[in-house]
Amino acid sequence: MRVAYSVALYAYAIRNPQFTMKPIIGITAERWSSSTTTPNHNVHGALASYLDAVSGAGGLPVIIPLTLSGDDLREVYARLDGILIPGGGDVEPTLFDASQHPKTSDIDPERDRVELDFTRRAAADRKPLFGICRGVQVFNVALGGTLVQDIPDELETDLRHAYPSREFPGNHHAHSVKIEEETLLARILGVPIVTVNSRHHQSVKDVAPGLEIVARAPDGVIEAVELPDHPFALGVQWHPENLQAQPEMKALFVKFVEEAAKRER
């Protein structure tokens, strides 16, 4: 029902922009089956936690289908005030000139195509862009960076980063993250260290040209990057949508939506 509501709201807002002053935030879809872990390409949806975090911050969340292309995809992008790239499966390694690691999985080429396109456009157009978990990895790859395909296999660390949702609650505090001073992320969070949840086995490796590392875990794993001199182009490796009871995590969405609201229609 929540997915249907979001799509209906999107259609209404697009046809009648004069009836809403709230910024329209596009959330790229994920494809899955409710009964198995096998992707179902007949289902395009988004988790309620993303929809609720955006709407709770004053935005109108809409879901971006993955089968759009050409002029249709460009038109949808043009009508959005902000782009949110959520968590999900792994990015196709050939997109960052790598061979596939045995533990790289859940690749969706159409999702890669749409998200990389929207990310590059938003970076160039100064349209607010927020990447979460997979989203920060997409952000980095889109601008020319690479990824660690499996942290336990490729990095020397005793810190656990993968706390799957089937075993741990979404707001499970996994480890601390140190925020770099005088960054957009630091200004939003207002604290130098935060404790975050963690559900990833991949991470940013070589940072894309133009991006800055703005947060790290205690073992050095990159936890956030941002594009300087952009109103809001930020990616975080944790899941702030599941930590909305914490003011600093809610502030991430509030700032994102505020910047989206400044866009001219």
Protein backbone atom coordinates (compact mmCIF):
# COMPACT_ATOMS: atom_id res chain seq x y z
CA MET A 1 0.00 0.00 0.00
CA ARG A 2 2.83 2.40 0.82
CA VAL A 3 4.42 1.83 -2.59
CA ALA A 4 1.10 2.37 -4.38
CA TYR A 5 0.53 5.56 -2.38
CA SER A 6 3.96 6.89 -3.30
CA VAL A 7 3.44 6.23 -7.01
CA ALA A 8 -0.02 7.83 -6.93
CA LEU A 9 1.36 10.86 -5.09
CA TYR A 10 4.12 11.20 -7.66
CA ALA A 11 1.64 11.11 -10.55
CA TYR A 12 -0.57 13.71 -8.86
CA ALA A 13 2.31 16.02 -8.04
CA ILE A 14 3.71 15.82 -11.56
CA ARG A 15 0.35 16.67 -13.14
CA ASN A 16 -0.51 19.35 -10.58
CA PRO A 17 2.72 21.01 -9.36
CA GLN A 18 0.77 24.07 -8.22
CA PHE A 19 -0.90 22.02 -5.50
CA THR A 20 2.27 21.22 -3.58
CA MET A 21 5.11 23.32 -2.28
CA LYS A 22 7.00 20.41 -0.77
CA PRO A 23 10.08 19.21 -2.65
CA ILE A 24 9.71 15.98 -4.60
CA ILE A 25 12.41 13.46 -3.62
CA GLY A 26 13.05 10.61 -6.02
CA ILE A 27 14.11 7.29 -4.45
CA THR A 28 15.48 4.72 -6.86
CA ALA A 29 13.65 1.42 -6.70
CA GLU A 30 14.89 -1.92 -5.48
CA ARG A 31 13.63 -5.18 -6.96
CA TRP A 32 12.91 -8.15 -4.75
CA SER A 33 10.37 -10.86 -3.99
CA SER A 34 8.43 -10.84 -0.73
CA SER A 35 8.68 -14.62 -0.45
CA THR A 36 12.30 -15.33 -1.45
CA THR A 37 15.64 -13.60 -1.66
CA THR A 38 15.65 -13.95 -5.45
CA PRO A 39 15.14 -10.59 -7.21
CA ASN A 40 11.72 -10.33 -8.84
CA HIS A 41 11.89 -7.97 -11.79
CA ASN A 42 8.11 -7.55 -11.69
CA VAL A 43 8.40 -5.70 -8.35
CA HIS A 44 9.83 -2.17 -8.05
CA GLY A 45 9.70 -0.78 -4.52
CA ALA A 46 11.38 0.99 -1.63
CA LEU A 47 11.53 0.23 2.07
CA ALA A 48 9.12 2.19 4.24
CA SER A 49 12.02 3.48 6.35
CA TYR A 50 13.28 5.62 3.43
CA LEU A 51 9.81 6.88 2.55
CA ASP A 52 9.07 7.75 6.18
CA ALA A 53 12.41 9.52 6.73
CA VAL A 54 11.89 11.71 3.66
CA SER A 55 8.27 12.53 4.45
CA GLY A 56 9.15 13.11 8.11
CA ALA A 57 11.68 15.72 6.98
CA GLY A 58 9.09 17.54 4.87
CA GLY A 59 9.67 15.97 1.46
CA LEU A 60 7.37 14.09 -0.90
CA PRO A 61 8.95 10.68 -1.59
CA VAL A 62 8.39 9.05 -4.98
CA ILE A 63 9.80 5.81 -6.35
CA ILE A 64 11.83 5.84 -9.57
CA PRO A 65 11.19 2.74 -11.73
CA LEU A 66 14.26 0.99 -13.10
CA THR A 67 12.88 0.20 -16.55
CA LEU A 68 12.70 3.80 -17.75
CA SER A 69 15.22 4.99 -20.31
CA GLY A 70 15.90 7.77 -22.79
CA ASP A 71 13.62 10.79 -22.73
CA ASP A 72 11.33 9.26 -20.10
CA LEU A 73 14.19 8.84 -17.65
CA ARG A 74 15.47 12.34 -18.34
CA GLU A 75 12.02 13.81 -17.84
CA VAL A 76 11.55 12.10 -14.49
CA TYR A 77 14.96 13.36 -13.38
CA ALA A 78 14.14 16.91 -14.46
CA ARG A 79 10.97 16.99 -12.36
CA LEU A 80 12.65 15.86 -9.15
CA ASP A 81 14.02 18.29 -6.57
CA GLY A 82 16.35 15.77 -4.94
CA ILE A 83 17.67 12.24 -5.48
CA LEU A 84 18.08 9.56 -2.81
CA ILE A 85 20.09 6.44 -3.69
CA PRO A 86 19.22 3.81 -1.05
CA GLY A 87 20.85 0.59 0.12
CA GLY A 88 20.67 -2.70 -1.73
CA GLY A 89 22.77 -5.19 -3.67
CA ASP A 90 26.28 -4.83 -5.04
CA VAL A 91 27.42 -2.70 -7.97
CA GLU A 92 28.60 -4.50 -11.12
CA PRO A 93 32.44 -4.64 -10.73
CA THR A 94 33.17 -4.05 -14.40
CA LEU A 95 31.80 -0.53 -13.89
CA PHE A 96 34.95 0.22 -11.86
CA ASP A 97 37.29 -1.95 -13.96
CA ALA A 98 37.41 -4.90 -11.56
CA SER A 99 36.82 -8.63 -11.77
CA GLN A 100 33.94 -9.99 -9.75
CA HIS A 101 34.81 -11.18 -6.24
CA PRO A 102 33.15 -14.48 -5.22
CA LYS A 103 31.15 -12.68 -2.53
CA THR A 104 29.86 -9.91 -4.79
CA SER A 105 26.15 -10.60 -5.32
CA ASP A 106 22.64 -9.26 -6.00
CA ILE A 107 23.77 -7.28 -9.04
CA ASP A 108 21.01 -5.49 -10.95
CA PRO A 109 22.34 -3.94 -14.19
CA GLU A 110 19.24 -1.78 -14.71
CA ARG A 111 19.50 -0.37 -11.21
CA ASP A 112 23.18 0.38 -11.80
CA ARG A 113 22.27 2.13 -15.07
CA VAL A 114 19.58 4.37 -13.58
CA GLU A 115 21.46 5.23 -10.38
CA LEU A 116 24.76 6.00 -12.10
CA ASP A 117 22.95 8.23 -14.59
CA PHE A 118 21.01 10.13 -11.91
CA THR A 119 24.08 10.48 -9.70
CA ARG A 120 26.19 11.97 -12.48
CA ARG A 121 23.42 14.35 -13.47
CA ALA A 122 22.80 15.48 -9.89
CA ALA A 123 26.50 16.06 -9.29
CA ALA A 124 26.78 18.17 -12.44
CA ASP A 125 23.48 20.04 -11.95
CA ARG A 126 24.01 20.76 -8.25
CA LYS A 127 20.78 18.93 -7.49
CA PRO A 128 20.67 17.58 -3.91
CA LEU A 129 21.89 13.98 -3.80
CA PHE A 130 21.91 11.65 -0.81
CA GLY A 131 23.49 8.18 -1.01
CA ILE A 132 22.93 5.60 1.72
CA CYS A 133 24.96 2.37 2.08
CA ARG A 134 24.96 1.09 -1.53
CA GLY A 135 24.22 4.71 -2.39
CA VAL A 136 27.60 5.98 -1.22
CA GLN A 137 29.25 3.23 -3.28
CA VAL A 138 27.22 4.20 -6.37
CA PHE A 139 28.19 7.84 -5.77
CA ASN A 140 31.87 6.92 -5.75
CA VAL A 141 31.72 4.63 -8.80
CA ALA A 142 29.64 7.13 -10.80
CA LEU A 143 32.39 9.74 -10.48
CA GLY A 144 35.27 7.38 -11.20
CA GLY A 145 36.12 5.64 -7.91
CA THR A 146 36.48 1.97 -7.00
CA LEU A 147 35.15 -0.35 -4.29
CA VAL A 148 36.35 -2.91 -1.79
CA GLN A 149 34.21 -5.87 -2.83
CA ASP A 150 34.41 -7.74 0.47
CA ILE A 151 35.81 -6.11 3.60
CA PRO A 152 36.65 -9.31 5.54
CA ASP A 153 38.57 -10.75 2.57
CA GLU A 154 40.31 -7.61 1.36
CA LEU A 155 41.06 -5.55 4.47
CA GLU A 156 42.87 -6.34 7.70
CA THR A 157 40.32 -5.52 10.37
CA ASP A 158 38.70 -7.05 13.43
CA LEU A 159 35.76 -4.67 13.22
CA ARG A 160 32.51 -6.18 12.03
CA HIS A 161 30.61 -4.13 9.42
CA ALA A 162 27.88 -6.55 8.30
CA TYR A 163 25.00 -6.83 10.76
CA PRO A 164 22.22 -8.22 8.52
CA SER A 165 18.68 -7.07 9.18
CA ARG A 166 17.44 -10.65 9.45
CA GLU A 167 19.55 -11.02 12.61
CA PHE A 168 19.77 -7.51 14.07
CA PRO A 169 17.28 -4.65 14.45
CA GLY A 170 17.73 -1.79 12.03
CA ASN A 171 18.83 0.60 14.79
CA HIS A 172 21.48 -1.75 16.19
CA HIS A 173 24.53 0.33 17.14
CA ALA A 174 27.53 -1.39 15.57
CA HIS A 175 30.51 0.95 15.86
CA SER A 176 31.60 4.56 16.07
CA VAL A 177 32.41 6.87 13.15
CA LYS A 178 34.73 9.88 13.31
CA ILE A 179 33.60 12.92 11.33
CA GLU A 180 36.07 15.25 9.63
CA GLU A 181 35.88 18.84 10.83
CA GLU A 182 34.66 21.72 8.67
CA THR A 183 32.66 19.50 6.32
CA LEU A 184 29.01 19.53 5.35
CA LEU A 185 28.55 16.30 7.31
CA ALA A 186 30.13 17.80 10.42
CA ARG A 187 27.93 20.89 10.21
CA ILE A 188 24.79 18.79 9.91
CA LEU A 189 25.57 16.26 12.65
CA GLY A 190 27.04 18.81 15.05
CA VAL A 191 29.19 16.20 16.80
CA PRO A 192 32.68 14.83 16.02
CA ILE A 193 31.86 11.17 16.65
CA VAL A 194 28.63 9.24 16.08
CA THR A 195 27.65 5.64 16.73
CA VAL A 196 26.03 4.02 13.71
CA ASN A 197 24.32 0.89 12.51
CA SER A 198 26.09 -1.14 9.82
CA ARG A 199 24.86 -3.61 7.17
CA HIS A 200 27.52 -3.64 4.46
CA HIS A 201 30.27 -5.98 3.27
CA GLN A 202 31.61 -3.57 0.63
CA SER A 203 32.97 -0.03 0.94
CA VAL A 204 34.63 2.82 -0.92
CA LYS A 205 38.21 1.98 -1.93
CA ASP A 206 39.83 4.54 -4.25
CA VAL A 207 37.92 7.79 -3.85
CA ALA A 208 36.65 9.37 -7.05
CA PRO A 209 38.29 12.59 -8.26
CA GLY A 210 36.57 15.56 -6.68
CA LEU A 211 35.06 13.66 -3.76
CA GLU A 212 36.34 14.10 -0.22
CA ILE A 213 36.46 11.52 2.56
CA VAL A 214 34.53 13.01 5.47
CA ALA A 215 34.15 10.09 7.90
CA ARG A 216 35.87 6.84 8.81
CA ALA A 217 35.26 3.87 11.07
CA PRO A 218 37.89 3.07 13.76
CA ASP A 219 39.55 0.56 11.39
CA GLY A 220 39.89 3.15 8.65
CA VAL A 221 37.00 1.99 6.45
CA ILE A 222 35.52 4.99 4.65
CA GLU A 223 32.08 5.78 6.05
CA ALA A 224 31.14 8.98 4.21
CA VAL A 225 32.15 11.09 1.22
CA GLU A 226 30.87 14.40 -0.08
CA LEU A 227 31.29 16.69 -3.05
CA PRO A 228 32.65 20.08 -1.92
CA ASP A 229 31.03 23.26 -3.23
CA HIS A 230 27.79 21.39 -3.90
CA PRO A 231 24.64 22.34 -1.91
CA PHE A 232 24.15 18.73 -0.81
CA ALA A 233 25.98 15.80 -2.42
CA LEU A 234 26.67 13.39 0.40
CA GLY A 235 26.96 9.64 0.83
CA VAL A 236 27.06 7.72 4.10
CA GLN A 237 27.80 4.03 4.58
CA TRP A 238 25.41 3.53 7.50
CA HIS A 239 21.59 3.67 7.56
CA PRO A 240 20.36 6.94 9.09
CA GLU A 241 16.80 6.17 7.96
CA ASN A 242 16.72 3.54 10.74
CA LEU A 243 18.10 5.97 13.34
CA GLN A 244 15.52 8.74 13.13
CA ALA A 245 15.07 8.79 16.91
CA GLN A 246 18.55 10.37 17.04
CA PRO A 247 18.36 14.13 16.29
CA GLU A 248 21.64 14.19 14.37
CA MET A 249 20.44 11.41 12.03
CA LYS A 250 17.11 13.08 11.43
CA ALA A 251 19.04 16.27 10.69
CA LEU A 252 20.62 14.59 7.65
CA PHE A 253 17.22 14.19 6.02
CA VAL A 254 16.03 17.61 7.13
CA LYS A 255 19.04 19.33 5.54
CA PHE A 256 18.69 17.22 2.38
CA VAL A 257 15.02 18.15 2.00
CA GLU A 258 15.70 21.81 2.83
CA GLU A 259 18.25 22.04 0.03
CA ALA A 260 15.86 20.27 -2.36
CA ALA A 261 13.17 22.82 -1.48
CA LYS A 262 15.43 25.60 -2.77
CA ARG A 263 15.40 24.20 -6.29
CA GLU A 264 13.46 26.19 -8.85
CA ARG A 265 10.64 24.25 -10.49
